Amino acid sequence: MYYLTKLHYQMIQDYFNAVEKFIVVGDRVLIKPRDMEVRTQSGLVLPATVKEKEEIQSGHVIKSGPGYPIPSQEIEESWKEETNQTRYIGMQAEEGDLAIFLKSKAHEIEFEHEKYLIVPHGAILLLIREDMEM
């Protein structure tokens, strides 16, 4: 059995804290892609290179941007106090969701030897949420 030492635990915490510092802007979503290796019903293992040609990919949502910015409807008057708070139309993607998205729209980044994808919300085709209430 493998036990986490204090050093390992600290390294893992530092890693998650570093990803938590990411600020996703606009209508984009940060996704950790799922392992592309697939086992068929007959037991064959298809490596990731076989699956790379597919147009659709899946992964778990790590962070989500604030959404689509809404233009201000306020009329600027010299006597009014200036409010520069941007308002947003929220997005459906939430942390922990499994997202099915168009691979061609995704931008790949690598951070600390881990691959992530930045995907515009419009490229997400389907979200699967575990704790969805009906």
N, C-alpha and C. Protein backbone atom coordinates (compact mmCIF):
# COMPACT_ATOMS: atom_id res chain seq x y z
N MET A 1 0.85 -1.17 0.00
CA MET A 1 0.00 0.00 0.00
C MET A 1 0.89 1.24 0.00
N TYR A 2 0.48 2.25 -0.73
CA TYR A 2 1.26 3.47 -0.86
C TYR A 2 0.69 4.55 0.05
N TYR A 3 1.53 5.13 0.87
CA TYR A 3 1.11 6.21 1.76
C TYR A 3 1.75 7.51 1.29
N LEU A 4 0.98 8.59 1.33
CA LEU A 4 1.52 9.89 0.96
C LEU A 4 2.35 10.44 2.10
N THR A 5 3.58 10.80 1.78
CA THR A 5 4.40 11.46 2.78
C THR A 5 4.01 12.92 2.83
N LYS A 6 4.49 13.63 3.83
CA LYS A 6 4.19 15.05 3.94
C LYS A 6 4.67 15.81 2.71
N LEU A 7 5.84 15.43 2.20
CA LEU A 7 6.40 16.08 1.02
C LEU A 7 5.49 15.86 -0.20
N HIS A 8 5.05 14.61 -0.40
CA HIS A 8 4.15 14.31 -1.52
C HIS A 8 2.85 15.08 -1.39
N TYR A 9 2.32 15.11 -0.19
CA TYR A 9 1.06 15.81 0.05
C TYR A 9 1.23 17.30 -0.26
N GLN A 10 2.36 17.89 0.18
CA GLN A 10 2.62 19.30 -0.08
C GLN A 10 2.77 19.56 -1.57
N MET A 11 3.44 18.65 -2.28
CA MET A 11 3.61 18.81 -3.73
C MET A 11 2.26 18.77 -4.43
N ILE A 12 1.39 17.87 -4.02
CA ILE A 12 0.06 17.76 -4.62
C ILE A 12 -0.74 19.03 -4.31
N GLN A 13 -0.68 19.51 -3.07
CA GLN A 13 -1.40 20.74 -2.69
C GLN A 13 -0.89 21.92 -3.50
N ASP A 14 0.44 22.04 -3.66
CA ASP A 14 1.01 23.14 -4.44
C ASP A 14 0.53 23.09 -5.88
N TYR A 15 0.44 21.87 -6.44
CA TYR A 15 -0.02 21.71 -7.81
C TYR A 15 -1.46 22.19 -7.96
N PHE A 16 -2.33 21.72 -7.06
CA PHE A 16 -3.73 22.12 -7.16
C PHE A 16 -3.90 23.61 -6.90
N ASN A 17 -3.11 24.14 -5.98
CA ASN A 17 -3.18 25.57 -5.72
C ASN A 17 -2.72 26.37 -6.93
N ALA A 18 -1.73 25.87 -7.66
CA ALA A 18 -1.24 26.56 -8.85
C ALA A 18 -2.33 26.59 -9.92
N VAL A 19 -3.03 25.49 -10.12
CA VAL A 19 -4.12 25.45 -11.10
C VAL A 19 -5.26 26.35 -10.64
N GLU A 20 -5.47 26.43 -9.33
CA GLU A 20 -6.52 27.30 -8.80
C GLU A 20 -6.24 28.77 -9.08
N LYS A 21 -4.98 29.11 -9.29
CA LYS A 21 -4.62 30.49 -9.57
C LYS A 21 -4.93 30.89 -11.02
N PHE A 22 -5.24 29.92 -11.87
CA PHE A 22 -5.61 30.23 -13.25
C PHE A 22 -6.89 31.05 -13.25
N ILE A 23 -6.93 32.05 -14.09
CA ILE A 23 -8.15 32.84 -14.28
C ILE A 23 -8.58 32.64 -15.72
N VAL A 24 -9.68 31.96 -15.91
CA VAL A 24 -10.20 31.70 -17.24
C VAL A 24 -11.05 32.91 -17.62
N VAL A 25 -10.80 33.46 -18.79
CA VAL A 25 -11.48 34.69 -19.19
C VAL A 25 -12.62 34.41 -20.17
N GLY A 26 -13.60 35.31 -20.14
CA GLY A 26 -14.70 35.28 -21.10
C GLY A 26 -15.51 34.00 -21.07
N ASP A 27 -15.80 33.51 -22.26
CA ASP A 27 -16.66 32.33 -22.40
C ASP A 27 -15.85 31.06 -22.58
N ARG A 28 -14.67 31.00 -21.99
CA ARG A 28 -13.82 29.83 -22.16
C ARG A 28 -13.87 28.93 -20.93
N VAL A 29 -13.48 27.67 -21.17
CA VAL A 29 -13.51 26.65 -20.13
C VAL A 29 -12.16 25.93 -20.15
N LEU A 30 -11.58 25.69 -18.97
CA LEU A 30 -10.34 24.92 -18.86
C LEU A 30 -10.72 23.47 -18.60
N ILE A 31 -10.25 22.58 -19.47
CA ILE A 31 -10.65 21.17 -19.41
C ILE A 31 -9.41 20.29 -19.31
N LYS A 32 -9.47 19.31 -18.43
CA LYS A 32 -8.44 18.27 -18.33
C LYS A 32 -8.92 17.12 -19.20
N PRO A 33 -8.26 16.86 -20.35
CA PRO A 33 -8.75 15.81 -21.24
C PRO A 33 -8.69 14.43 -20.61
N ARG A 34 -9.67 13.63 -20.97
CA ARG A 34 -9.70 12.24 -20.48
C ARG A 34 -8.68 11.43 -21.24
N ASP A 35 -8.23 10.35 -20.62
CA ASP A 35 -7.29 9.44 -21.27
C ASP A 35 -7.94 8.91 -22.53
N MET A 36 -7.26 9.05 -23.64
CA MET A 36 -7.84 8.67 -24.92
C MET A 36 -7.71 7.17 -25.22
N GLU A 37 -7.00 6.43 -24.39
CA GLU A 37 -6.86 5.00 -24.62
C GLU A 37 -8.19 4.31 -24.30
N VAL A 38 -8.65 3.50 -25.23
CA VAL A 38 -9.96 2.88 -25.10
C VAL A 38 -9.83 1.38 -25.28
N ARG A 39 -10.63 0.64 -24.51
CA ARG A 39 -10.68 -0.82 -24.64
C ARG A 39 -12.00 -1.18 -25.33
N THR A 40 -11.90 -1.92 -26.42
CA THR A 40 -13.10 -2.32 -27.14
C THR A 40 -13.80 -3.46 -26.41
N GLN A 41 -15.01 -3.81 -26.86
CA GLN A 41 -15.76 -4.90 -26.22
C GLN A 41 -15.05 -6.23 -26.33
N SER A 42 -14.27 -6.40 -27.39
CA SER A 42 -13.55 -7.67 -27.56
C SER A 42 -12.24 -7.71 -26.77
N GLY A 43 -11.89 -6.59 -26.10
CA GLY A 43 -10.70 -6.58 -25.27
C GLY A 43 -9.49 -5.92 -25.90
N LEU A 44 -9.62 -5.46 -27.15
CA LEU A 44 -8.50 -4.78 -27.79
C LEU A 44 -8.33 -3.39 -27.19
N VAL A 45 -7.07 -3.01 -27.00
CA VAL A 45 -6.79 -1.68 -26.48
C VAL A 45 -6.37 -0.80 -27.66
N LEU A 46 -7.15 0.26 -27.89
CA LEU A 46 -6.83 1.21 -28.94
C LEU A 46 -6.03 2.35 -28.33
N PRO A 47 -4.78 2.56 -28.78
CA PRO A 47 -3.98 3.63 -28.19
C PRO A 47 -4.51 5.00 -28.58
N ALA A 48 -4.02 6.02 -27.90
CA ALA A 48 -4.48 7.39 -28.12
C ALA A 48 -4.24 7.85 -29.56
N THR A 49 -3.19 7.33 -30.22
CA THR A 49 -2.90 7.76 -31.59
C THR A 49 -4.02 7.37 -32.56
N VAL A 50 -4.71 6.29 -32.29
CA VAL A 50 -5.82 5.87 -33.15
C VAL A 50 -7.00 6.81 -32.95
N LYS A 51 -7.21 7.26 -31.73
CA LYS A 51 -8.35 8.11 -31.41
C LYS A 51 -8.13 9.58 -31.78
N GLU A 52 -6.88 9.97 -32.10
CA GLU A 52 -6.58 11.38 -32.37
C GLU A 52 -7.33 11.94 -33.56
N LYS A 53 -7.73 11.11 -34.50
CA LYS A 53 -8.39 11.59 -35.71
C LYS A 53 -9.86 11.90 -35.51
N GLU A 54 -10.40 11.54 -34.36
CA GLU A 54 -11.80 11.82 -34.10
C GLU A 54 -12.01 13.31 -33.91
N GLU A 55 -13.19 13.80 -34.28
CA GLU A 55 -13.50 15.22 -34.21
C GLU A 55 -14.02 15.62 -32.84
N ILE A 56 -14.47 14.67 -32.04
CA ILE A 56 -15.06 14.96 -30.74
C ILE A 56 -14.16 14.40 -29.64
N GLN A 57 -14.01 15.16 -28.57
CA GLN A 57 -13.18 14.74 -27.45
C GLN A 57 -13.94 15.01 -26.16
N SER A 58 -13.48 14.42 -25.07
CA SER A 58 -14.13 14.64 -23.78
C SER A 58 -13.09 14.92 -22.72
N GLY A 59 -13.54 15.54 -21.65
CA GLY A 59 -12.66 15.84 -20.53
C GLY A 59 -13.46 16.47 -19.40
N HIS A 60 -12.81 16.62 -18.26
CA HIS A 60 -13.47 17.18 -17.08
C HIS A 60 -13.18 18.67 -16.97
N VAL A 61 -14.20 19.44 -16.65
CA VAL A 61 -14.07 20.89 -16.51
C VAL A 61 -13.32 21.18 -15.21
N ILE A 62 -12.22 21.90 -15.32
CA ILE A 62 -11.42 22.28 -14.16
C ILE A 62 -11.83 23.67 -13.68
N LYS A 63 -11.95 24.60 -14.61
CA LYS A 63 -12.37 25.97 -14.30
C LYS A 63 -13.21 26.49 -15.45
N SER A 64 -14.05 27.46 -15.13
CA SER A 64 -14.92 28.06 -16.13
C SER A 64 -14.81 29.58 -16.04
N GLY A 65 -14.83 30.25 -17.18
CA GLY A 65 -14.78 31.71 -17.20
C GLY A 65 -16.11 32.30 -16.73
N PRO A 66 -16.17 33.63 -16.61
CA PRO A 66 -17.39 34.27 -16.10
C PRO A 66 -18.55 34.24 -17.08
N GLY A 67 -18.29 34.11 -18.37
CA GLY A 67 -19.37 34.07 -19.35
C GLY A 67 -19.20 35.12 -20.43
N TYR A 68 -20.31 35.41 -21.11
CA TYR A 68 -20.30 36.38 -22.18
C TYR A 68 -20.52 37.78 -21.60
N PRO A 69 -19.65 38.75 -21.90
CA PRO A 69 -19.85 40.10 -21.35
C PRO A 69 -21.08 40.77 -21.96
N ILE A 70 -21.80 41.51 -21.13
CA ILE A 70 -22.98 42.25 -21.58
C ILE A 70 -22.60 43.72 -21.65
N PRO A 71 -22.88 44.38 -22.78
CA PRO A 71 -22.58 45.82 -22.86
C PRO A 71 -23.41 46.59 -21.84
N SER A 72 -22.84 47.64 -21.33
CA SER A 72 -23.53 48.47 -20.34
C SER A 72 -24.66 49.24 -21.02
N GLN A 73 -25.81 49.29 -20.36
CA GLN A 73 -26.96 50.02 -20.87
C GLN A 73 -27.06 51.41 -20.25
N GLU A 74 -26.15 51.71 -19.34
CA GLU A 74 -26.21 52.99 -18.64
C GLU A 74 -25.71 54.11 -19.54
N ILE A 75 -26.36 55.26 -19.41
CA ILE A 75 -25.95 56.45 -20.15
C ILE A 75 -24.90 57.17 -19.31
N GLU A 76 -23.79 57.49 -19.95
CA GLU A 76 -22.72 58.16 -19.23
C GLU A 76 -23.07 59.62 -19.04
N GLU A 77 -23.12 60.04 -17.81
CA GLU A 77 -23.39 61.43 -17.45
C GLU A 77 -22.23 61.91 -16.58
N SER A 78 -21.85 63.16 -16.76
CA SER A 78 -20.71 63.70 -16.00
C SER A 78 -20.98 63.74 -14.50
N TRP A 79 -22.24 63.88 -14.13
CA TRP A 79 -22.58 63.98 -12.71
C TRP A 79 -22.78 62.62 -12.04
N LYS A 80 -22.90 61.55 -12.86
CA LYS A 80 -23.09 60.21 -12.30
C LYS A 80 -21.77 59.60 -11.86
N GLU A 81 -21.87 58.81 -10.83
CA GLU A 81 -20.69 58.07 -10.39
C GLU A 81 -20.40 56.98 -11.41
N GLU A 82 -19.14 56.83 -11.78
CA GLU A 82 -18.76 55.87 -12.81
C GLU A 82 -18.73 54.46 -12.23
N THR A 83 -19.46 53.57 -12.87
CA THR A 83 -19.44 52.16 -12.45
C THR A 83 -18.91 51.33 -13.61
N ASN A 84 -17.73 50.79 -13.43
CA ASN A 84 -17.09 50.02 -14.49
C ASN A 84 -17.19 48.53 -14.26
N GLN A 85 -18.21 48.09 -13.56
CA GLN A 85 -18.36 46.66 -13.32
C GLN A 85 -18.97 46.01 -14.56
N THR A 86 -18.25 45.06 -15.10
CA THR A 86 -18.73 44.33 -16.26
C THR A 86 -19.71 43.27 -15.79
N ARG A 87 -20.81 43.16 -16.50
CA ARG A 87 -21.79 42.11 -16.20
C ARG A 87 -21.67 41.02 -17.25
N TYR A 88 -22.00 39.79 -16.86
CA TYR A 88 -21.83 38.64 -17.75
C TYR A 88 -23.11 37.81 -17.81
N ILE A 89 -23.29 37.15 -18.96
CA ILE A 89 -24.30 36.10 -19.08
C ILE A 89 -23.57 34.82 -18.67
N GLY A 90 -24.03 34.16 -17.64
CA GLY A 90 -23.37 32.97 -17.12
C GLY A 90 -23.36 31.81 -18.11
N MET A 91 -22.52 30.85 -17.84
CA MET A 91 -22.40 29.67 -18.70
C MET A 91 -22.90 28.43 -17.96
N GLN A 92 -23.20 27.40 -18.71
CA GLN A 92 -23.71 26.16 -18.13
C GLN A 92 -22.62 25.29 -17.54
N ALA A 93 -21.41 25.35 -18.08
CA ALA A 93 -20.32 24.49 -17.62
C ALA A 93 -19.90 24.85 -16.20
N GLU A 94 -19.79 23.83 -15.35
CA GLU A 94 -19.35 24.02 -13.97
C GLU A 94 -18.19 23.08 -13.69
N GLU A 95 -17.41 23.42 -12.67
CA GLU A 95 -16.29 22.58 -12.28
C GLU A 95 -16.77 21.17 -11.98
N GLY A 96 -16.06 20.18 -12.52
CA GLY A 96 -16.40 18.78 -12.26
C GLY A 96 -17.25 18.15 -13.34
N ASP A 97 -17.86 18.96 -14.22
CA ASP A 97 -18.68 18.41 -15.30
C ASP A 97 -17.80 17.64 -16.28
N LEU A 98 -18.37 16.62 -16.90
CA LEU A 98 -17.72 15.95 -18.00
C LEU A 98 -18.22 16.63 -19.27
N ALA A 99 -17.32 17.18 -20.06
CA ALA A 99 -17.69 17.91 -21.27
C ALA A 99 -17.33 17.12 -22.51
N ILE A 100 -18.26 17.07 -23.45
CA ILE A 100 -18.02 16.51 -24.78
C ILE A 100 -17.94 17.72 -25.70
N PHE A 101 -16.84 17.89 -26.43
CA PHE A 101 -16.63 19.11 -27.20
C PHE A 101 -15.96 18.84 -28.54
N LEU A 102 -16.00 19.85 -29.41
CA LEU A 102 -15.35 19.76 -30.71
C LEU A 102 -13.84 19.96 -30.53
N LYS A 103 -13.08 18.96 -30.93
CA LYS A 103 -11.64 18.99 -30.75
C LYS A 103 -10.98 20.10 -31.56
N SER A 104 -11.53 20.41 -32.72
CA SER A 104 -10.92 21.42 -33.60
C SER A 104 -10.94 22.82 -32.99
N LYS A 105 -11.82 23.08 -32.05
CA LYS A 105 -11.94 24.40 -31.43
C LYS A 105 -11.08 24.54 -30.18
N ALA A 106 -10.50 23.46 -29.70
CA ALA A 106 -9.74 23.46 -28.45
C ALA A 106 -8.30 23.92 -28.68
N HIS A 107 -7.75 24.61 -27.69
CA HIS A 107 -6.35 25.03 -27.70
C HIS A 107 -5.64 24.31 -26.56
N GLU A 108 -4.58 23.59 -26.90
CA GLU A 108 -3.88 22.78 -25.91
C GLU A 108 -2.78 23.58 -25.24
N ILE A 109 -2.69 23.46 -23.92
CA ILE A 109 -1.58 24.04 -23.16
C ILE A 109 -1.00 22.95 -22.27
N GLU A 110 0.23 23.15 -21.85
CA GLU A 110 0.86 22.21 -20.92
C GLU A 110 1.35 22.99 -19.72
N PHE A 111 0.99 22.52 -18.53
CA PHE A 111 1.39 23.16 -17.29
C PHE A 111 1.87 22.08 -16.34
N GLU A 112 3.12 22.20 -15.91
CA GLU A 112 3.75 21.22 -15.02
C GLU A 112 3.55 19.79 -15.52
N HIS A 113 3.86 19.57 -16.78
CA HIS A 113 3.83 18.27 -17.45
C HIS A 113 2.42 17.67 -17.55
N GLU A 114 1.39 18.48 -17.38
CA GLU A 114 0.01 18.03 -17.53
C GLU A 114 -0.61 18.80 -18.69
N LYS A 115 -1.39 18.10 -19.51
CA LYS A 115 -2.03 18.74 -20.64
C LYS A 115 -3.43 19.21 -20.25
N TYR A 116 -3.75 20.42 -20.69
CA TYR A 116 -5.07 21.00 -20.49
C TYR A 116 -5.55 21.55 -21.82
N LEU A 117 -6.83 21.73 -21.92
CA LEU A 117 -7.41 22.31 -23.12
C LEU A 117 -8.24 23.53 -22.73
N ILE A 118 -8.10 24.59 -23.51
CA ILE A 118 -8.95 25.76 -23.34
C ILE A 118 -9.95 25.72 -24.48
N VAL A 119 -11.22 25.63 -24.10
CA VAL A 119 -12.29 25.41 -25.08
C VAL A 119 -13.32 26.53 -24.96
N PRO A 120 -13.73 27.15 -26.08
CA PRO A 120 -14.81 28.12 -25.98
C PRO A 120 -16.12 27.41 -25.63
N HIS A 121 -16.95 28.08 -24.87
CA HIS A 121 -18.20 27.46 -24.41
C HIS A 121 -19.07 27.01 -25.59
N GLY A 122 -19.00 27.74 -26.69
CA GLY A 122 -19.80 27.40 -27.87
C GLY A 122 -19.39 26.08 -28.52
N ALA A 123 -18.18 25.58 -28.23
CA ALA A 123 -17.71 24.32 -28.81
C ALA A 123 -18.12 23.11 -27.99
N ILE A 124 -18.70 23.34 -26.81
CA ILE A 124 -19.13 22.22 -25.96
C ILE A 124 -20.47 21.73 -26.46
N LEU A 125 -20.54 20.44 -26.75
CA LEU A 125 -21.76 19.84 -27.29
C LEU A 125 -22.66 19.28 -26.20
N LEU A 126 -22.04 18.77 -25.13
CA LEU A 126 -22.81 18.08 -24.10
C LEU A 126 -22.07 18.17 -22.77
N LEU A 127 -22.81 18.34 -21.69
CA LEU A 127 -22.25 18.32 -20.35
C LEU A 127 -22.91 17.21 -19.56
N ILE A 128 -22.11 16.44 -18.85
CA ILE A 128 -22.65 15.37 -17.99
C ILE A 128 -22.29 15.76 -16.56
N ARG A 129 -23.32 15.92 -15.74
CA ARG A 129 -23.15 16.36 -14.36
C ARG A 129 -23.65 15.26 -13.44
N GLU A 130 -22.84 14.88 -12.49
CA GLU A 130 -23.18 13.78 -11.58
C GLU A 130 -24.34 14.10 -10.65
N ASP A 131 -24.33 15.29 -10.06
CA ASP A 131 -25.31 15.61 -9.02
C ASP A 131 -26.45 16.51 -9.54
N MET A 132 -26.90 16.22 -10.72
CA MET A 132 -27.95 17.04 -11.32
C MET A 132 -29.31 16.71 -10.70
N GLU A 133 -30.02 17.76 -10.24
CA GLU A 133 -31.34 17.57 -9.65
C GLU A 133 -32.40 17.67 -10.74
N MET A 134 -33.41 16.84 -10.65
CA MET A 134 -34.51 16.88 -11.62
C MET A 134 -35.74 17.45 -11.01
